[in-house]
C-alpha atoms as a PDB file:
ATOM      1  CA  MET A   1      93.248 133.305 113.290  1.00  0.00           C
ATOM      2  CA  GLU A   2      92.809 130.997 110.420  1.00  0.00           C
ATOM      3  CA  LYS A   3      90.247 128.238 110.770  1.00  0.00           C
ATOM      4  CA  LEU A   4      91.640 124.734 110.495  1.00  0.00           C
ATOM      5  CA  LYS A   5      90.315 122.310 107.842  1.00  0.00           C
ATOM      6  CA  PHE A   6      90.118 118.720 108.978  1.00  0.00           C
ATOM      7  CA  ASP A   7      89.618 115.729 106.751  1.00  0.00           C
ATOM      8  CA  LYS A   8      86.303 114.225 107.686  1.00  0.00           C
ATOM      9  CA  HIS A   9      87.176 111.075 105.753  1.00  0.00           C
ATOM     10  CA  ILE A  10      90.519 110.256 107.217  1.00  0.00           C
ATOM     11  CA  TYR A  11      89.508 106.841 108.370  1.00  0.00           C
ATOM     12  CA  ASP A  12      88.274 105.967 104.936  1.00  0.00           C
ATOM     13  CA  THR A  13      91.657 106.980 103.567  1.00  0.00           C
ATOM     14  CA  ILE A  14      93.536 104.928 106.034  1.00  0.00           C
ATOM     15  CA  ARG A  15      91.233 101.847 105.493  1.00  0.00           C
ATOM     16  CA  LYS A  16      91.873 102.123 101.664  1.00  0.00           C
ATOM     17  CA  ASN A  17      95.675 102.372 102.161  1.00  0.00           C
ATOM     18  CA  ILE A  18      95.855  99.427 104.621  1.00  0.00           C
ATOM     19  CA  LYS A  19      94.058  97.254 102.109  1.00  0.00           C
ATOM     20  CA  LYS A  20      96.182  98.569  99.266  1.00  0.00           C
ATOM     21  CA  TYR A  21      99.570  98.038 100.932  1.00  0.00           C
ATOM     22  CA  ARG A  22      98.404  94.609 102.351  1.00  0.00           C
ATOM     23  CA  ARG A  23      97.547  93.460  98.889  1.00  0.00           C
ATOM     24  CA  GLN A  24     100.809  94.842  97.479  1.00  0.00           C
ATOM     25  CA  LYS A  25     102.563  92.578 100.019  1.00  0.00           C
ATOM     26  CA  GLN A  26     100.365  89.699  98.871  1.00  0.00           C
ATOM     27  CA  MET A  27      99.296  89.216 102.415  1.00  0.00           C
ATOM     28  CA  THR A  28      95.808  88.123 103.563  1.00  0.00           C
ATOM     29  CA  SER A  29      93.921  89.986 106.215  1.00  0.00           C
ATOM     30  CA  ALA A  30      94.249  86.790 108.444  1.00  0.00           C
ATOM     31  CA  GLU A  31      98.075  87.011 108.100  1.00  0.00           C
ATOM     32  CA  LEU A  32      98.056  90.781 108.934  1.00  0.00           C
ATOM     33  CA  ALA A  33      95.777  89.998 111.935  1.00  0.00           C
ATOM     34  CA  GLU A  34      98.233  87.395 113.197  1.00  0.00           C
ATOM     35  CA  LEU A  35     101.279  89.635 112.873  1.00  0.00           C
ATOM     36  CA  VAL A  36      99.580  92.491 114.881  1.00  0.00           C
ATOM     37  CA  GLY A  37      97.928  90.331 117.440  1.00  0.00           C
ATOM     38  CA  LEU A  38      94.347  91.163 116.397  1.00  0.00           C
ATOM     39  CA  SER A  39      91.466  88.972 115.276  1.00  0.00           C
ATOM     40  CA  HIS A  40      90.885  88.346 111.526  1.00  0.00           C
ATOM     41  CA  ASP A  41      87.380  89.724 111.850  1.00  0.00           C
ATOM     42  CA  PHE A  42      88.689  92.996 113.407  1.00  0.00           C
ATOM     43  CA  ILE A  43      91.180  93.548 110.508  1.00  0.00           C
ATOM     44  CA  ARG A  44      88.281  92.933 108.070  1.00  0.00           C
ATOM     45  CA  GLN A  45      86.227  95.541 109.949  1.00  0.00           C
ATOM     46  CA  ILE A  46      89.007  98.061 109.745  1.00  0.00           C
ATOM     47  CA  GLU A  47      89.326  97.584 106.023  1.00  0.00           C
ATOM     48  CA  SER A  48      85.572  97.587 105.354  1.00  0.00           C
ATOM     49  CA  GLU A  49      84.014 100.703 103.970  1.00  0.00           C
ATOM     50  CA  LYS A  50      80.675  99.579 105.336  1.00  0.00           C
ATOM     51  CA  THR A  51      81.743  99.630 108.909  1.00  0.00           C
ATOM     52  CA  ALA A  52      82.348 102.890 110.564  1.00  0.00           C
ATOM     53  CA  TYR A  53      84.747 101.418 113.131  1.00  0.00           C
ATOM     54  CA  ASN A  54      87.404 103.628 114.397  1.00  0.00           C
ATOM     55  CA  PHE A  55      90.604 102.172 115.635  1.00  0.00           C
ATOM     56  CA  SER A  56      93.361 103.167 118.052  1.00  0.00           C
ATOM     57  CA  VAL A  57      96.654 104.893 117.327  1.00  0.00           C
ATOM     58  CA  GLU A  58      98.411 101.813 118.716  1.00  0.00           C
ATOM     59  CA  THR A  59      96.433  99.625 116.220  1.00  0.00           C
ATOM     60  CA  PHE A  60      97.256 102.112 113.328  1.00  0.00           C
ATOM     61  CA  TYR A  61     100.962 101.914 114.333  1.00  0.00           C
ATOM     62  CA  LYS A  62     101.108  98.135 114.578  1.00  0.00           C
ATOM     63  CA  ILE A  63      99.551  97.729 111.155  1.00  0.00           C
ATOM     64  CA  SER A  64     102.037 100.159 109.648  1.00  0.00           C
ATOM     65  CA  VAL A  65     104.950  98.320 111.140  1.00  0.00           C
ATOM     66  CA  ALA A  66     103.543  94.879 109.969  1.00  0.00           C
ATOM     67  CA  LEU A  67     103.055  96.248 106.467  1.00  0.00           C
ATOM     68  CA  GLY A  68     106.470  97.903 106.452  1.00  0.00           C
ATOM     69  CA  VAL A  69     104.848 101.260 105.564  1.00  0.00           C
ATOM     70  CA  SER A  70     105.229 104.635 107.337  1.00  0.00           C
ATOM     71  CA  LEU A  71     102.187 106.141 109.099  1.00  0.00           C
ATOM     72  CA  ASP A  72     102.342 109.071 106.663  1.00  0.00           C
ATOM     73  CA  LYS A  73     101.898 106.708 103.761  1.00  0.00           C
ATOM     74  CA  LEU A  74      98.784 105.296 105.361  1.00  0.00           C
ATOM     75  CA  ILE A  75      97.160 108.740 105.664  1.00  0.00           C
ATOM     76  CA  GLU A  76      98.156 109.945 102.139  1.00  0.00           C
ATOM     77  CA  LYS A  77      95.279 110.580  99.826  1.00  0.00           C
END
């Protein structure tokens, strides 16, 4: 059986993509937070490369809907 290879930096990829797509929509992190029902500080933590904060699949999904981007786009390298 072939050993699976997992991306150890998947959260970093998602963080960068959330920030990228948010900026493309000219949306502030506070506006994104309001759309998904989370605190502004929490969104800033998600986008921060300094904070190793993991977020739920529900949060990931809500952000993708708010940004109008599919989940696969948010995990794309």
